[in-house]
Amino acid sequence: MTQVFTLPDLGEGLTEAEIVEWHVAVGDEVTVDQEVVTVETAKAAVDVPCPYAGRVVTLHAQPGEVLAVGQPLITVEPVGSAAPPAPQAPDTTASNGAGGEQYRSEELAGSDPAKADSEGSGAVLVGYGTGRGDQRRGRRRLRGAARAGAPTPAASPSPAAASTPAPGRKEAVKVISPLVRRLAAEAGIDLATVTPTGPAGVIRRADVEAAIAARTAPQAAAAAAPVAVPTTAGDRRIPLTGVMRVMADRLATSRREIPDATTWVDVDATGLLEARDALRRARPDDGIGILALLARITVAGLQRYPVLNSSVDTRAGEIVQHGEINLGFAAQSPRGLVVPVVHGAQAMTTVQLARALRELTDLAREGRLAPAQLTGGTFTLNNYGVFGVDGSTPIINHPEAAMLGVGRIIDRPWAHEGQLALRKVTQLSFTFDHRVCDGGTAGGFLRYVADCVEHPAALIADL
């Protein structure tokens, strides 16, 4: 019997992935937990292991194609079966209708990889995992029956999941994310009336938000509707995929939802550079650089002004002040700008911060950051001075409440101890959510950071 492995839930709220590279071909033999494909999500590149052993019969997508969670990925058959058929065109017609919805409904009904026993596959992915025994095999048969069109036992849908197809709509409403269903239910939106824009007709959160906006403010929604850009000779279209798309969505959401303001100050960083040089002489193996010292100062500033380590819950009308400081920092990668996150930065020493920043930067350059290393940030440090620029007005990394930017450090004439001297000067810019704090708090944080840059020894008073 052939076994169809569908694109698993990769966690972190991801609902789709783009095929980057197949590591097997039709006719190859695979073993349990062998990595068969690299996919790119909106957050990271992930190598996906196959939970089945056998011979590859079908690869259901080509590199560059986007699959929704629950769509067929690869089909294998037991070794010793009839010779594999000739390579066929990828199956791009499989929808996330019956099969995909069944997969998701099982997951929402209580699939818990953490409860898996020690049998079967050892590579745990959400919706798959170490053996489920008869329960897992039963679900595979159920999914197979759904894909084949066989009747499946009726389930009592929750109010959030229930939707009545609109007249003339013959296929099931395709919604992968439970958050999207909840958003629609809370707003009273019938999912059958929402126009999907996701792959294979999947309804995304943006689709539901557009439906809400269209109902409450038709004229505003019409004005904000996407405008098709004509293509003329010589133009080149570059798809917004993976990290590019999630960054575009996040920054657009930030500009749309956050009433931000920016303040800045020029500071004498001569003392900071001297502190770095002294640490390198005293601790040459620790690799403490400017970014690590800036991170240390930023964490100290957030501990003094904790309201800036927050997010705004617009639905609840509340400011969520986070208990941990998860410090994100902008970094370049082969996939564009990414923001790796140092989790629990408030509990780290300067040496530990330096090590974490160095490791995450190396992973970013190699394109090997895991989704968990790109999520959960509560504040972002952006050292755009490495690009040779002096200042900027950063866009807040939604849903965070603030971002600190640092320009290049250059020689400038500066009044120092009553004399005009050549000093190492940089510009600090601070963009903050005006819903979270007023200018007094923002100015206090920025002034504290500036004082620490000019006099790093001042940090000792807070340690």
Protein backbone atom coordinates (compact mmCIF):
# COMPACT_ATOMS: atom_id res chain seq x y z
CA MET A 1 0.00 0.00 0.00
CA THR A 2 1.25 3.46 -0.84
CA GLN A 3 1.52 6.05 1.91
CA VAL A 4 1.04 9.76 1.26
CA PHE A 5 3.01 12.13 3.46
CA THR A 6 1.36 15.54 3.54
CA LEU A 7 3.09 18.81 4.36
CA PRO A 8 3.14 18.78 8.18
CA ASP A 9 2.35 21.65 10.49
CA LEU A 10 5.80 23.15 11.05
CA GLY A 11 4.70 25.04 14.12
CA GLU A 12 4.92 28.76 14.94
CA GLY A 13 1.54 29.38 13.27
CA LEU A 14 2.90 28.60 9.79
CA THR A 15 0.24 27.61 7.26
CA GLU A 16 2.23 27.08 4.07
CA ALA A 17 5.72 26.49 2.71
CA GLU A 18 7.56 26.81 -0.57
CA ILE A 19 9.46 23.84 -1.99
CA VAL A 20 13.14 24.79 -2.18
CA GLU A 21 14.94 21.54 -3.02
CA TRP A 22 14.11 17.84 -3.18
CA HIS A 23 16.73 15.51 -1.73
CA VAL A 24 15.17 12.40 -3.33
CA ALA A 25 13.78 11.49 -6.73
CA VAL A 26 11.07 9.14 -7.98
CA GLY A 27 12.36 5.59 -7.61
CA ASP A 28 14.70 6.33 -4.70
CA GLU A 29 14.39 4.36 -1.49
CA VAL A 30 13.88 6.32 1.73
CA THR A 31 14.13 5.36 5.37
CA VAL A 32 12.09 6.53 8.35
CA ASP A 33 13.10 10.07 9.40
CA GLN A 34 15.20 10.63 6.28
CA GLU A 35 15.15 14.29 5.26
CA VAL A 36 13.52 14.33 1.85
CA VAL A 37 12.93 18.01 1.08
CA THR A 38 13.91 21.51 2.11
CA VAL A 39 11.00 23.94 2.35
CA GLU A 40 11.00 27.67 3.00
CA THR A 41 8.37 29.08 5.30
CA ALA A 42 7.71 32.68 6.15
CA LYS A 43 10.26 32.37 8.93
CA ALA A 44 13.01 29.91 8.03
CA ALA A 45 14.23 27.15 5.76
CA VAL A 46 13.34 23.72 7.19
CA ASP A 47 14.49 20.22 6.26
CA VAL A 48 11.46 17.93 6.44
CA PRO A 49 11.91 14.25 7.41
CA CYS A 50 9.58 11.58 6.03
CA PRO A 51 7.90 9.34 8.64
CA TYR A 52 7.57 6.44 6.18
CA ALA A 53 10.05 4.01 4.65
CA GLY A 54 9.83 2.71 1.10
CA ARG A 55 10.30 3.70 -2.53
CA VAL A 56 9.36 7.18 -3.75
CA VAL A 57 6.41 7.00 -6.13
CA THR A 58 5.42 10.67 -6.51
CA LEU A 59 6.79 14.08 -5.66
CA HIS A 60 3.73 16.28 -5.51
CA ALA A 61 5.34 19.66 -6.16
CA GLN A 62 8.30 21.20 -7.93
CA PRO A 63 10.82 23.65 -6.46
CA GLY A 64 9.26 27.08 -6.31
CA GLU A 65 5.72 25.84 -5.72
CA VAL A 66 3.87 26.73 -2.51
CA LEU A 67 1.95 24.07 -0.61
CA ALA A 68 -0.53 24.59 2.21
CA VAL A 69 -0.25 22.51 5.36
CA GLY A 70 -2.04 19.20 4.80
CA GLN A 71 -1.50 19.02 1.03
CA PRO A 72 0.27 15.94 -0.40
CA LEU A 73 4.04 16.25 -0.33
CA ILE A 74 5.47 12.84 -1.23
CA THR A 75 4.07 9.36 -1.84
CA VAL A 76 6.03 6.20 -1.01
CA GLU A 77 5.30 2.50 -1.40
CA PRO A 78 6.84 -0.52 0.34
CA VAL A 79 10.08 -1.78 -1.16
CA GLY A 80 9.42 -4.93 -3.20
CA SER A 81 6.25 -3.62 -4.80
CA ALA A 82 5.85 -3.31 -8.53
CA ALA A 83 8.41 -1.16 -10.35
CA PRO A 84 7.79 2.52 -9.88
CA PRO A 85 5.99 4.33 -12.67
CA ALA A 86 7.82 6.75 -14.93
CA PRO A 87 8.33 10.19 -13.40
CA GLN A 88 5.15 12.17 -13.71
CA ALA A 89 4.27 15.81 -13.59
CA PRO A 90 3.86 17.12 -10.06
CA ASP A 91 0.35 16.86 -8.71
CA THR A 92 -0.60 20.49 -8.26
CA THR A 93 -4.34 19.92 -8.42
CA ALA A 94 -4.63 18.40 -4.96
CA SER A 95 -6.53 20.86 -2.81
CA ASN A 96 -6.69 21.34 0.89
CA GLY A 97 -10.38 20.68 0.83
CA ALA A 98 -11.34 17.28 2.19
CA GLY A 99 -7.90 15.95 2.99
CA GLY A 100 -6.51 19.22 4.34
CA GLU A 101 -9.55 20.06 6.45
CA GLN A 102 -9.64 16.53 7.85
CA TYR A 103 -5.96 16.80 8.77
CA ARG A 104 -6.49 20.09 10.52
CA SER A 105 -9.64 19.00 12.32
CA GLU A 106 -7.76 16.03 13.75
CA GLU A 107 -5.00 18.35 14.96
CA LEU A 108 -7.48 20.72 16.60
CA ALA A 109 -9.30 17.80 18.14
CA GLY A 110 -6.35 17.08 20.36
CA SER A 111 -3.35 15.69 18.50
CA ASP A 112 -0.45 16.18 20.88
CA PRO A 113 3.04 15.17 19.70
CA ALA A 114 4.29 15.45 23.27
CA LYS A 115 2.20 12.39 24.20
CA ALA A 116 3.78 10.16 21.60
CA ASP A 117 5.35 6.94 22.75
CA SER A 118 8.72 5.55 21.77
CA GLU A 119 7.58 3.65 18.66
CA GLY A 120 7.83 4.81 15.08
CA SER A 121 9.38 7.99 13.71
CA GLY A 122 11.75 9.86 15.97
CA ALA A 123 11.64 13.20 14.13
CA VAL A 124 8.84 15.16 15.73
CA LEU A 125 6.79 17.62 13.66
CA VAL A 126 3.47 19.08 14.71
CA GLY A 127 0.76 16.71 13.51
CA TYR A 128 3.31 13.88 13.16
CA GLY A 129 5.80 12.52 15.62
CA THR A 130 7.00 9.46 17.43
CA GLY A 131 4.57 6.60 16.90
CA ARG A 132 0.91 6.93 17.78
CA GLY A 133 0.28 3.20 17.30
CA ASP A 134 -3.19 2.28 16.04
CA GLN A 135 -4.42 5.81 16.65
CA ARG A 136 -1.98 7.31 14.15
CA ARG A 137 -2.52 4.55 11.59
CA GLY A 138 -6.27 5.01 11.96
CA ARG A 139 -5.92 8.71 11.23
CA ARG A 140 -3.83 7.97 8.14
CA ARG A 141 -6.56 5.66 6.88
CA LEU A 142 -9.14 8.36 7.63
CA ARG A 143 -7.17 10.95 5.71
CA GLY A 144 -6.73 8.54 2.83
CA ALA A 145 -10.44 7.87 2.76
CA ALA A 146 -11.16 11.59 2.74
CA ARG A 147 -8.81 12.14 -0.19
CA ALA A 148 -10.40 9.25 -2.07
CA GLY A 149 -13.87 10.66 -1.52
CA ALA A 150 -15.00 7.96 0.93
CA PRO A 151 -17.46 9.07 3.63
CA THR A 152 -15.93 9.92 6.98
CA PRO A 153 -17.61 9.91 10.39
CA ALA A 154 -19.48 13.12 11.03
CA ALA A 155 -18.06 15.42 13.67
CA SER A 156 -19.76 18.20 15.59
CA PRO A 157 -18.03 21.36 14.47
CA SER A 158 -17.43 24.16 16.92
CA PRO A 159 -19.16 27.48 16.24
CA ALA A 160 -15.83 28.95 15.17
CA ALA A 161 -15.21 26.15 12.71
CA ALA A 162 -18.70 25.90 11.26
CA SER A 163 -19.43 27.71 8.03
CA THR A 164 -22.23 27.49 5.52
CA PRO A 165 -21.14 27.51 1.89
CA ALA A 166 -22.51 30.37 -0.15
CA PRO A 167 -24.95 29.58 -2.95
CA GLY A 168 -23.11 28.19 -5.93
CA ARG A 169 -20.02 27.29 -3.90
CA LYS A 170 -19.50 23.56 -4.25
CA GLU A 171 -16.26 22.99 -2.36
CA ALA A 172 -15.45 23.18 1.33
CA VAL A 173 -14.23 26.44 2.79
CA LYS A 174 -10.45 26.16 3.08
CA VAL A 175 -9.16 27.62 6.33
CA ILE A 176 -6.00 26.22 7.91
CA SER A 177 -5.36 28.56 10.82
CA PRO A 178 -7.67 28.33 13.85
CA LEU A 179 -6.83 31.99 14.50
CA VAL A 180 -8.42 32.91 11.19
CA ARG A 181 -11.57 30.98 12.09
CA ARG A 182 -11.75 32.67 15.49
CA LEU A 183 -11.25 36.11 13.97
CA ALA A 184 -14.07 35.48 11.51
CA ALA A 185 -16.38 34.12 14.22
CA GLU A 186 -15.76 37.07 16.55
CA ALA A 187 -16.49 39.52 13.73
CA GLY A 188 -19.55 37.60 12.53
CA ILE A 189 -18.03 36.97 9.10
CA ASP A 190 -19.30 33.96 7.12
CA LEU A 191 -16.15 32.31 5.78
CA ALA A 192 -18.05 31.14 2.72
CA THR A 193 -18.36 34.77 1.65
CA VAL A 194 -14.65 35.53 1.99
CA THR A 195 -12.52 35.65 -1.14
CA PRO A 196 -9.37 33.56 -0.58
CA THR A 197 -5.94 34.72 -1.77
CA GLY A 198 -3.80 31.89 -0.41
CA PRO A 199 -2.46 28.95 -2.44
CA ALA A 200 -5.07 26.37 -3.43
CA GLY A 201 -7.80 28.78 -2.33
CA VAL A 202 -6.82 28.92 1.34
CA ILE A 203 -8.37 31.79 3.31
CA ARG A 204 -5.78 33.84 5.17
CA ARG A 205 -6.07 36.26 8.06
CA ALA A 206 -5.61 39.17 5.66
CA ASP A 207 -8.64 37.95 3.68
CA VAL A 208 -10.84 38.00 6.79
CA GLU A 209 -9.50 41.41 7.83
CA ALA A 210 -10.30 42.71 4.35
CA ALA A 211 -13.84 41.35 4.65
CA ILE A 212 -14.25 43.07 8.03
CA ALA A 213 -12.95 46.35 6.65
CA ALA A 214 -15.20 46.09 3.60
CA ARG A 215 -18.26 45.58 5.80
CA THR A 216 -17.55 48.36 8.29
CA ALA A 217 -16.09 50.93 5.90
CA PRO A 218 -16.82 50.12 2.25
CA GLN A 219 -15.35 53.32 0.89
CA ALA A 220 -12.15 53.05 2.92
CA ALA A 221 -11.79 49.40 1.98
CA ALA A 222 -12.20 50.22 -1.70
CA ALA A 223 -9.55 52.93 -1.43
CA ALA A 224 -7.14 50.53 0.29
CA ALA A 225 -7.74 47.64 -2.10
CA PRO A 226 -4.63 46.33 -3.87
CA VAL A 227 -3.99 48.01 -7.21
CA ALA A 228 -2.73 45.91 -10.07
CA VAL A 229 0.56 47.23 -11.44
CA PRO A 230 0.88 46.87 -15.23
CA THR A 231 3.99 45.21 -16.58
CA THR A 232 5.73 46.69 -19.59
CA ALA A 233 8.62 45.50 -21.71
CA GLY A 234 11.81 45.17 -19.70
CA ASP A 235 10.04 44.94 -16.32
CA ARG A 236 10.87 42.06 -14.00
CA ARG A 237 8.50 40.71 -11.37
CA ILE A 238 10.01 39.36 -8.13
CA PRO A 239 7.58 37.29 -6.02
CA LEU A 240 7.24 38.25 -2.36
CA THR A 241 7.87 34.87 -0.74
CA GLY A 242 9.20 33.52 2.52
CA VAL A 243 10.96 36.08 4.70
CA MET A 244 10.42 38.87 2.15
CA ARG A 245 6.67 38.42 2.38
CA VAL A 246 6.45 38.13 6.16
CA MET A 247 8.65 41.22 6.60
CA ALA A 248 6.53 43.14 4.11
CA ASP A 249 3.33 42.14 5.92
CA ARG A 250 4.80 42.89 9.33
CA LEU A 251 6.10 46.33 8.36
CA ALA A 252 2.86 47.22 6.59
CA THR A 253 0.91 46.16 9.68
CA SER A 254 3.22 48.25 11.84
CA ARG A 255 2.66 51.36 9.75
CA ARG A 256 -1.09 50.72 9.62
CA GLU A 257 -1.71 49.97 13.30
CA ILE A 258 1.02 51.62 15.39
CA PRO A 259 1.00 55.39 16.06
CA ASP A 260 4.78 55.61 16.19
CA ALA A 261 7.07 58.52 16.99
CA THR A 262 10.85 58.86 16.72
CA THR A 263 13.37 60.71 18.84
CA TRP A 264 17.14 60.79 18.45
CA VAL A 265 20.36 62.06 19.98
CA ASP A 266 24.02 62.32 18.97
CA VAL A 267 26.39 60.74 21.48
CA ASP A 268 30.13 60.52 22.06
CA ALA A 269 30.93 56.80 21.72
CA THR A 270 34.64 57.18 22.40
CA GLY A 271 34.24 55.64 25.86
CA LEU A 272 32.29 52.71 24.40
CA LEU A 273 35.08 51.91 21.95
CA GLU A 274 37.65 52.17 24.74
CA ALA A 275 35.61 49.76 26.87
CA ARG A 276 35.43 47.31 23.97
CA ASP A 277 39.19 47.47 23.44
CA ALA A 278 39.84 46.98 27.16
CA LEU A 279 37.59 43.92 27.27
CA ARG A 280 39.27 42.43 24.23
CA ARG A 281 42.65 42.81 25.89
CA ALA A 282 41.43 41.34 29.18
CA ARG A 283 39.15 38.63 27.69
CA PRO A 284 40.43 37.97 24.16
CA ASP A 285 38.56 34.67 23.80
CA ASP A 286 35.13 36.10 24.63
CA GLY A 287 34.75 38.13 21.43
CA ILE A 288 32.87 41.03 23.05
CA GLY A 289 32.17 43.61 20.34
CA ILE A 290 30.19 46.81 19.96
CA LEU A 291 26.91 44.97 19.28
CA ALA A 292 27.24 42.97 22.49
CA LEU A 293 27.90 46.13 24.52
CA LEU A 294 24.94 47.88 22.89
CA ALA A 295 22.79 44.84 23.68
CA ARG A 296 23.97 44.95 27.29
CA ILE A 297 23.07 48.64 27.53
CA THR A 298 19.69 48.10 25.83
CA VAL A 299 18.73 45.32 28.24
CA ALA A 300 19.68 47.52 31.21
CA GLY A 301 17.55 50.33 29.75
CA LEU A 302 14.53 48.03 29.34
CA GLN A 303 14.89 46.84 32.92
CA ARG A 304 14.75 50.47 34.02
CA TYR A 305 11.83 51.29 31.65
CA PRO A 306 9.94 47.95 31.45
CA VAL A 307 6.85 49.44 29.76
CA LEU A 308 8.91 49.60 26.55
CA ASN A 309 9.25 45.81 26.64
CA SER A 310 5.58 45.45 25.76
CA SER A 311 3.00 44.71 23.08
CA VAL A 312 -0.48 46.13 22.61
CA ASP A 313 -3.41 43.69 22.58
CA THR A 314 -5.86 45.69 20.48
CA ARG A 315 -8.71 43.21 20.94
CA ALA A 316 -8.51 43.25 24.73
CA GLY A 317 -7.59 46.93 24.87
CA GLU A 318 -4.59 46.13 27.05
CA ILE A 319 -0.83 46.67 27.14
CA VAL A 320 0.97 43.36 27.68
CA GLN A 321 4.21 44.00 29.57
CA HIS A 322 6.47 41.01 28.97
CA GLY A 323 8.24 39.27 31.82
CA GLU A 324 11.28 38.35 29.74
CA ILE A 325 13.39 40.48 27.44
CA ASN A 326 13.67 38.66 24.12
CA LEU A 327 16.07 40.90 22.25
CA GLY A 328 15.83 40.86 18.46
CA PHE A 329 18.53 42.34 16.26
CA ALA A 330 18.54 43.02 12.55
CA ALA A 331 20.86 40.81 10.49
CA GLN A 332 21.45 40.15 6.82
CA SER A 333 20.98 36.64 5.43
CA PRO A 334 20.86 35.00 1.99
CA ARG A 335 17.07 35.33 2.30
CA GLY A 336 17.16 39.05 3.03
CA LEU A 337 16.76 40.99 6.27
CA VAL A 338 15.94 38.79 9.26
CA VAL A 339 15.56 39.49 12.97
CA PRO A 340 17.05 36.69 15.10
CA VAL A 341 15.98 36.75 18.75
CA VAL A 342 18.09 36.28 21.88
CA HIS A 343 15.56 34.79 24.28
CA GLY A 344 15.89 35.61 27.98
CA ALA A 345 18.50 38.31 27.42
CA GLN A 346 17.81 39.82 30.85
CA ALA A 347 19.36 36.76 32.52
CA MET A 348 22.57 36.78 30.46
CA THR A 349 25.98 38.21 31.23
CA THR A 350 27.75 40.34 28.65
CA VAL A 351 29.88 37.34 27.67
CA GLN A 352 26.75 35.20 27.20
CA LEU A 353 25.08 37.92 25.17
CA ALA A 354 28.14 38.20 22.93
CA ARG A 355 28.16 34.43 22.37
CA ALA A 356 24.43 34.31 21.57
CA LEU A 357 24.65 37.23 19.15
CA ARG A 358 27.64 35.69 17.41
CA GLU A 359 25.99 32.27 17.03
CA LEU A 360 22.73 33.71 15.70
CA THR A 361 24.58 35.98 13.28
CA ASP A 362 26.52 33.00 11.90
CA LEU A 363 23.30 31.00 11.48
CA ALA A 364 21.68 33.96 9.70
CA ARG A 365 24.56 34.25 7.24
CA GLU A 366 24.34 30.54 6.53
CA GLY A 367 20.55 30.65 6.15
CA ARG A 368 20.09 28.06 8.91
CA LEU A 369 18.00 29.91 11.48
CA ALA A 370 15.16 27.83 12.92
CA PRO A 371 11.66 29.34 13.16
CA ALA A 372 11.90 29.51 16.97
CA GLN A 373 15.03 31.66 16.63
CA LEU A 374 13.11 34.20 14.56
CA THR A 375 10.02 34.58 16.71
CA GLY A 376 9.00 35.79 20.14
CA GLY A 377 10.95 39.06 20.14
CA THR A 378 9.85 41.80 22.54
CA PHE A 379 12.27 44.58 21.49
CA THR A 380 14.59 45.08 18.50
CA LEU A 381 18.08 46.57 18.30
CA ASN A 382 18.97 47.73 14.78
CA ASN A 383 22.64 48.50 14.15
CA TYR A 384 22.23 50.02 10.68
CA GLY A 385 25.55 51.79 11.08
CA VAL A 386 27.20 48.71 9.55
CA PHE A 387 25.73 49.91 6.23
CA GLY A 388 27.60 53.21 6.51
CA VAL A 389 24.62 55.42 7.33
CA ASP A 390 24.31 57.94 10.15
CA GLY A 391 20.62 57.88 11.03
CA SER A 392 17.23 56.39 10.32
CA THR A 393 13.62 56.37 11.51
CA PRO A 394 13.11 52.64 12.09
CA ILE A 395 9.76 50.95 11.53
CA ILE A 396 8.75 49.06 14.66
CA ASN A 397 8.86 45.28 14.33
CA HIS A 398 5.17 44.52 14.93
CA PRO A 399 3.83 43.54 17.48
CA GLU A 400 6.67 45.02 19.55
CA ALA A 401 6.40 48.52 21.00
CA ALA A 402 9.79 50.05 20.23
CA MET A 403 13.08 49.80 18.33
CA LEU A 404 16.50 51.32 18.99
CA GLY A 405 18.63 52.24 15.98
CA VAL A 406 22.37 52.91 15.99
CA GLY A 407 24.20 54.76 13.21
CA ARG A 408 27.83 54.52 12.16
CA ILE A 409 30.54 55.65 14.56
CA ILE A 410 32.75 58.26 12.90
CA ASP A 411 35.22 61.00 13.82
CA ARG A 412 33.54 64.33 14.45
CA PRO A 413 34.51 67.60 16.14
CA TRP A 414 33.00 67.52 19.64
CA ALA A 415 33.07 69.71 22.72
CA HIS A 416 34.91 67.57 25.27
CA GLU A 417 35.85 68.82 28.73
CA GLY A 418 35.63 72.43 27.58
CA GLN A 419 37.78 71.87 24.50
CA LEU A 420 37.01 71.17 20.86
CA ALA A 421 38.28 67.67 20.15
CA LEU A 422 37.96 64.95 17.54
CA ARG A 423 35.76 62.23 19.08
CA LYS A 424 34.00 59.03 17.98
CA VAL A 425 30.38 60.09 17.54
CA THR A 426 27.24 58.15 16.63
CA GLN A 427 23.53 58.88 16.40
CA LEU A 428 20.94 56.89 18.37
CA SER A 429 17.35 56.91 17.11
CA PHE A 430 14.44 55.51 19.07
CA THR A 431 11.03 54.75 17.56
CA PHE A 432 8.24 53.92 20.00
CA ASP A 433 4.52 53.13 20.09
CA HIS A 434 2.83 56.24 21.48
CA ARG A 435 0.02 54.08 22.87
CA VAL A 436 2.50 52.44 25.24
CA CYS A 437 4.24 55.51 26.58
CA ASP A 438 4.63 59.24 26.16
CA GLY A 439 7.65 61.24 25.10
CA GLY A 440 8.90 61.52 28.65
CA THR A 441 9.38 57.77 29.04
CA ALA A 442 10.86 57.43 25.56
CA GLY A 443 13.22 60.32 26.18
CA GLY A 444 14.24 58.89 29.56
CA PHE A 445 15.11 55.53 27.99
CA LEU A 446 17.08 57.09 25.15
CA ARG A 447 18.95 59.41 27.50
CA TYR A 448 19.88 56.47 29.75
CA VAL A 449 21.18 54.52 26.76
CA ALA A 450 23.13 57.56 25.54
CA ASP A 451 24.69 58.11 28.98
CA CYS A 452 25.79 54.47 29.10
CA VAL A 453 27.32 54.73 25.62
CA GLU A 454 29.26 57.81 26.69
CA HIS A 455 30.16 56.42 30.14
CA PRO A 456 29.98 52.57 30.05
CA ALA A 457 31.22 52.40 33.65
CA ALA A 458 27.79 53.77 34.69
CA LEU A 459 26.36 50.30 34.00
CA ILE A 460 28.21 48.96 37.03
CA ALA A 461 25.87 50.91 39.30
CA ASP A 462 22.92 48.80 38.08
CA LEU A 463 24.61 45.38 38.25
